[in-house]
Amino acid sequence: MKILVTVKEVAEVEDEFEIDGLDIDARYLDYDLNEWDDYAVEEAVQISEENDDVEVVTVTIGPERSEETIRMALAKGADRAIRVWDDDLEAAQFLDVSTKADLLAAVVEAEEPDLVLTGVQANDDSFGATGVALAEAIDFEWGAVVNALDLDLDGGVASVHRELEGGVEELTDIQLPAVLTIQTGINEPRYASLRGIRMAQRKELDVQTLGDLGLDASVTETPVERTSMYEPESEGDAVVWEGSADETAGELAAFLRDKGVVEG
């Protein structure tokens, strides 16, 4: 059995930052593995540990910088990795959900996995649509917002527990091959051990271009366009007092009186 896990490198922004054109200045960005994808990787690795002959392959769409992120998935137990990138993707202003689904669909066609796991959403854009869009593109059964999974490999069935709107929960069986979007809390992602990190450097990381996947630059065409980037105005400001409780109690009381919260 083969499990394909899609992972994404996401940017974390410092509290204070500057905007450069249509992007946040790179000086104020740190990069890490998307939180939801971390749970998807852990779920795949646990399945491989509990069953024989299960291969876990991770795939990401991103520049060379993202190799550090995808190697963390290898360090946690994935067997090999694929990174999709080339000059045409670099030149694209924006990779929308449809483009990402088409790119990942080409990887699925080449890899022929029995199960695809994605995170429910990404920390940066929070679209929450790539997994389901991918299932539509490859004509797989799918289940979204999965927070418990019982896999019957012999029967080719995934019994899933789904978290729906309004506190509704659903139990359902999904025939493989399938795409499941994984919710946080389904497991406890492991830390990458020093041994795992060392082993990850020796595992296969295959870089593929659009041409390698049988695609061309037209896949990046999108009706979505970014027109501006700005920081929303704050509706209020926080006031912070430093010092002990005794030192700041009087200042807090005076502040509350000025705001009409307490009587003088």
Protein backbone atom coordinates (compact mmCIF):
# COMPACT_ATOMS: atom_id res chain seq x y z
CA MET A 1 0.00 0.00 0.00
CA LYS A 2 1.15 3.54 -0.73
CA ILE A 3 0.08 6.66 1.18
CA LEU A 4 0.75 10.06 -0.38
CA VAL A 5 0.82 12.98 2.05
CA THR A 6 0.70 16.55 0.77
CA VAL A 7 2.68 19.00 2.89
CA LYS A 8 3.16 22.73 2.70
CA GLU A 9 5.77 25.13 3.98
CA VAL A 10 3.99 28.11 5.56
CA ALA A 11 5.32 31.50 6.58
CA GLU A 12 5.01 32.79 10.12
CA VAL A 13 5.03 36.58 10.42
CA GLU A 14 6.75 38.52 13.18
CA ASP A 15 4.57 40.82 15.30
CA GLU A 16 6.19 43.88 13.73
CA PHE A 17 6.72 43.75 9.97
CA GLU A 18 6.91 45.76 6.75
CA ILE A 19 5.15 45.19 3.43
CA ASP A 20 7.16 45.08 0.22
CA GLY A 21 4.87 45.43 -2.80
CA LEU A 22 2.39 42.55 -2.78
CA ASP A 23 4.23 40.57 -0.11
CA ILE A 24 5.45 40.87 3.44
CA ASP A 25 9.14 41.66 3.45
CA ALA A 26 11.05 38.35 3.68
CA ARG A 27 13.10 39.69 6.60
CA TYR A 28 10.04 39.30 8.83
CA LEU A 29 9.14 35.74 7.83
CA ASP A 30 10.05 32.39 9.34
CA TYR A 31 9.05 29.13 7.66
CA ASP A 32 7.79 25.87 9.10
CA LEU A 33 5.72 22.78 8.28
CA ASN A 34 2.00 23.55 8.17
CA GLU A 35 0.39 22.49 11.45
CA TRP A 36 -2.44 20.46 9.88
CA ASP A 37 -0.01 18.69 7.54
CA ASP A 38 2.08 17.64 10.53
CA TYR A 39 -0.92 15.65 11.80
CA ALA A 40 -1.42 14.12 8.33
CA VAL A 41 2.22 12.99 8.24
CA GLU A 42 1.93 11.47 11.72
CA GLU A 43 -1.24 9.58 10.76
CA ALA A 44 0.46 8.12 7.68
CA VAL A 45 3.57 7.12 9.62
CA GLN A 46 1.48 5.45 12.33
CA ILE A 47 -0.34 3.42 9.65
CA SER A 48 2.99 2.34 8.18
CA GLU A 49 4.28 1.32 11.62
CA GLU A 50 1.17 -0.75 12.33
CA ASN A 51 1.07 -2.50 8.95
CA ASP A 52 3.62 -4.23 6.75
CA ASP A 53 4.42 -3.07 3.22
CA VAL A 54 3.11 0.49 3.58
CA GLU A 55 5.13 3.21 1.86
CA VAL A 56 4.69 6.85 2.88
CA VAL A 57 5.53 9.45 0.23
CA THR A 58 5.30 13.18 0.89
CA VAL A 59 4.88 15.85 -1.78
CA THR A 60 5.20 19.61 -1.61
CA ILE A 61 4.97 22.48 -4.07
CA GLY A 62 7.68 24.99 -3.31
CA PRO A 63 11.16 26.42 -3.94
CA GLU A 64 14.44 24.95 -2.78
CA ARG A 65 13.99 26.64 0.58
CA SER A 66 11.09 24.28 1.34
CA GLU A 67 13.35 21.22 1.25
CA GLU A 68 14.19 21.81 4.90
CA THR A 69 10.49 21.58 5.71
CA ILE A 70 9.83 18.43 3.71
CA ARG A 71 12.91 16.78 5.19
CA MET A 72 11.30 17.19 8.59
CA ALA A 73 8.51 14.93 7.30
CA LEU A 74 11.19 12.43 6.23
CA ALA A 75 12.80 12.70 9.66
CA LYS A 76 9.47 11.80 11.26
CA GLY A 77 9.18 8.58 9.28
CA ALA A 78 8.13 9.24 5.68
CA ASP A 79 10.02 7.05 3.22
CA ARG A 80 10.67 9.51 0.39
CA ALA A 81 9.66 12.94 -0.81
CA ILE A 82 8.79 14.84 -3.97
CA ARG A 83 9.20 18.59 -4.45
CA VAL A 84 7.48 20.22 -7.43
CA TRP A 85 8.98 23.48 -8.70
CA ASP A 86 10.49 25.18 -11.76
CA ASP A 87 10.96 28.63 -13.29
CA ASP A 88 7.33 28.86 -14.50
CA LEU A 89 6.01 28.23 -10.99
CA GLU A 90 8.55 30.71 -9.61
CA ALA A 91 7.30 33.36 -12.04
CA ALA A 92 3.63 32.86 -11.17
CA GLN A 93 2.22 35.63 -9.00
CA PHE A 94 -0.24 33.35 -7.27
CA LEU A 95 -0.88 29.58 -7.21
CA ASP A 96 -4.59 29.17 -6.62
CA VAL A 97 -6.39 26.06 -5.36
CA SER A 98 -7.13 24.82 -8.88
CA THR A 99 -3.47 25.06 -9.90
CA LYS A 100 -2.29 23.22 -6.79
CA ALA A 101 -4.91 20.52 -7.33
CA ASP A 102 -3.76 20.05 -10.95
CA LEU A 103 -0.11 19.80 -9.89
CA LEU A 104 -0.87 17.30 -7.14
CA ALA A 105 -3.17 15.34 -9.46
CA ALA A 106 -0.23 14.84 -11.83
CA VAL A 107 1.84 13.48 -8.93
CA VAL A 108 -1.01 11.15 -7.96
CA GLU A 109 -1.21 9.88 -11.53
CA ALA A 110 2.50 9.06 -11.47
CA GLU A 111 2.60 7.58 -7.95
CA GLU A 112 -0.77 5.73 -7.98
CA PRO A 113 -1.31 5.89 -4.19
CA ASP A 114 -4.08 3.98 -2.41
CA LEU A 115 -4.67 6.82 0.05
CA VAL A 116 -3.96 10.55 -0.04
CA LEU A 117 -3.80 12.53 3.20
CA THR A 118 -3.79 16.33 3.36
CA GLY A 119 -4.17 18.82 6.15
CA VAL A 120 -7.63 20.37 6.51
CA GLN A 121 -6.18 23.81 5.77
CA ALA A 122 -2.98 25.84 5.78
CA ASN A 123 -1.84 28.30 8.42
CA ASP A 124 -1.18 31.02 5.85
CA ASP A 125 -4.18 31.21 3.49
CA SER A 126 -6.73 29.04 5.40
CA PHE A 127 -8.61 28.17 2.18
CA GLY A 128 -9.33 24.61 3.35
CA ALA A 129 -10.10 23.58 -0.23
CA THR A 130 -7.03 21.92 -1.76
CA GLY A 131 -7.71 18.39 -0.49
CA VAL A 132 -11.30 18.28 -1.76
CA ALA A 133 -10.32 19.95 -5.04
CA LEU A 134 -7.63 17.29 -5.50
CA ALA A 135 -10.17 14.50 -4.90
CA GLU A 136 -12.39 16.01 -7.58
CA ALA A 137 -9.47 16.28 -10.02
CA ILE A 138 -8.44 12.62 -9.61
CA ASP A 139 -11.99 11.24 -9.14
CA PHE A 140 -11.26 9.70 -5.71
CA GLU A 141 -13.73 9.27 -2.88
CA TRP A 142 -13.07 11.81 -0.14
CA GLY A 143 -13.71 12.72 3.48
CA ALA A 144 -13.01 16.15 4.95
CA VAL A 145 -12.16 17.23 8.51
CA VAL A 146 -11.29 13.72 9.66
CA ASN A 147 -10.42 13.51 13.37
CA ALA A 148 -10.35 9.71 13.74
CA LEU A 149 -9.41 7.02 11.23
CA ASP A 150 -9.64 3.23 11.26
CA LEU A 151 -8.15 1.72 8.12
CA ASP A 152 -9.11 -1.75 6.86
CA LEU A 153 -6.34 -2.50 4.37
CA ASP A 154 -7.68 -5.92 3.36
CA GLY A 155 -11.17 -4.59 2.74
CA GLY A 156 -9.98 -1.35 1.18
CA VAL A 157 -12.15 0.77 3.47
CA ALA A 158 -11.40 3.81 5.61
CA SER A 159 -13.79 4.21 8.54
CA VAL A 160 -13.63 7.87 9.44
CA HIS A 161 -14.99 10.16 12.11
CA ARG A 162 -15.67 13.64 10.74
CA GLU A 163 -16.15 16.93 12.54
CA LEU A 164 -18.90 18.95 10.84
CA GLU A 165 -20.41 22.40 11.37
CA GLY A 166 -22.49 23.15 14.44
CA GLY A 167 -20.90 20.45 16.58
CA VAL A 168 -22.28 17.65 14.38
CA GLU A 169 -20.09 14.55 14.10
CA GLU A 170 -20.32 11.87 11.43
CA LEU A 171 -19.15 8.27 11.20
CA THR A 172 -18.84 6.95 7.67
CA ASP A 173 -17.01 4.35 5.57
CA ILE A 174 -15.09 5.50 2.52
CA GLN A 175 -13.85 3.15 -0.19
CA LEU A 176 -10.20 3.37 -1.19
CA PRO A 177 -8.58 4.94 -3.09
CA ALA A 178 -9.57 8.10 -1.28
CA VAL A 179 -8.47 11.57 -0.21
CA LEU A 180 -8.85 12.44 3.48
CA THR A 181 -8.24 15.90 4.93
CA ILE A 182 -6.86 15.52 8.45
CA GLN A 183 -7.92 17.67 11.40
CA THR A 184 -5.64 18.64 14.27
CA GLY A 185 -6.06 16.47 17.36
CA ILE A 186 -6.38 13.18 15.46
CA ASN A 187 -3.02 12.18 16.99
CA GLU A 188 0.03 13.63 18.70
CA PRO A 189 2.72 14.50 16.12
CA ARG A 190 6.13 13.23 17.13
CA TYR A 191 9.28 15.27 17.36
CA ALA A 192 11.93 14.45 14.81
CA SER A 193 14.73 12.59 16.61
CA LEU A 194 18.38 13.35 15.96
CA ARG A 195 18.68 9.88 14.37
CA GLY A 196 15.63 10.60 12.21
CA ILE A 197 17.07 13.92 11.06
CA ARG A 198 20.32 12.22 10.08
CA MET A 199 18.48 9.46 8.23
CA ALA A 200 16.34 12.04 6.41
CA GLN A 201 19.44 13.39 4.71
CA ARG A 202 19.92 10.01 3.03
CA LYS A 203 16.31 9.51 1.95
CA GLU A 204 15.22 10.24 -1.60
CA LEU A 205 13.99 13.77 -2.37
CA ASP A 206 12.98 13.98 -6.02
CA VAL A 207 12.60 17.43 -7.59
CA GLN A 208 10.11 17.45 -10.46
CA THR A 209 9.29 20.21 -12.95
CA LEU A 210 6.06 20.87 -14.82
CA GLY A 211 7.56 19.07 -17.80
CA ASP A 212 8.36 16.01 -15.69
CA LEU A 213 4.68 15.88 -14.71
CA GLY A 214 3.43 16.28 -18.27
CA LEU A 215 2.24 19.85 -17.65
CA ASP A 216 3.20 23.28 -18.97
CA ALA A 217 3.01 26.90 -17.83
CA SER A 218 -0.69 27.12 -18.73
CA VAL A 219 -1.46 25.28 -15.48
CA THR A 220 -0.54 28.46 -13.58
CA GLU A 221 -3.15 30.59 -15.36
CA THR A 222 -5.77 31.79 -12.91
CA PRO A 223 -8.57 34.36 -12.71
CA VAL A 224 -7.41 35.19 -9.18
CA GLU A 225 -5.17 38.24 -8.89
CA ARG A 226 -3.60 39.92 -5.92
CA THR A 227 -4.02 43.67 -6.28
CA SER A 228 -2.79 45.03 -2.97
CA MET A 229 -1.31 44.13 0.40
CA TYR A 230 -1.99 46.17 3.50
CA GLU A 231 -2.11 45.85 7.26
CA PRO A 232 -5.66 46.27 8.64
CA GLU A 233 -6.13 49.20 10.96
CA SER A 234 -6.31 48.29 14.62
CA GLU A 235 -9.61 48.99 16.34
CA GLY A 236 -7.87 49.50 19.65
CA ASP A 237 -4.51 49.55 21.37
CA ALA A 238 -3.20 47.45 24.22
CA VAL A 239 -1.70 49.12 27.26
CA VAL A 240 0.96 47.17 29.11
CA TRP A 241 2.24 48.03 32.58
CA GLU A 242 5.49 46.54 33.75
CA GLY A 243 6.31 45.82 37.34
CA SER A 244 4.86 44.01 40.35
CA ALA A 245 1.15 43.90 41.18
CA ASP A 246 1.64 46.50 43.91
CA GLU A 247 3.46 48.80 41.49
CA THR A 248 0.91 48.59 38.71
CA ALA A 249 -2.38 48.34 40.65
CA GLY A 250 -2.65 52.10 41.05
CA GLU A 251 -1.94 52.72 37.36
CA LEU A 252 -4.59 50.19 36.36
CA ALA A 253 -7.16 51.72 38.72
CA ALA A 254 -6.48 55.21 37.33
CA PHE A 255 -6.78 53.91 33.76
CA LEU A 256 -10.13 52.25 34.49
CA ARG A 257 -11.44 55.41 36.11
CA ASP A 258 -10.43 57.46 33.07
CA LYS A 259 -12.35 55.03 30.86
CA GLY A 260 -15.43 55.25 33.07
CA VAL A 261 -15.25 51.59 34.07
CA VAL A 262 -15.09 52.32 37.81
CA GLU A 263 -16.23 55.28 39.86
CA GLY A 264 -13.62 57.67 41.15
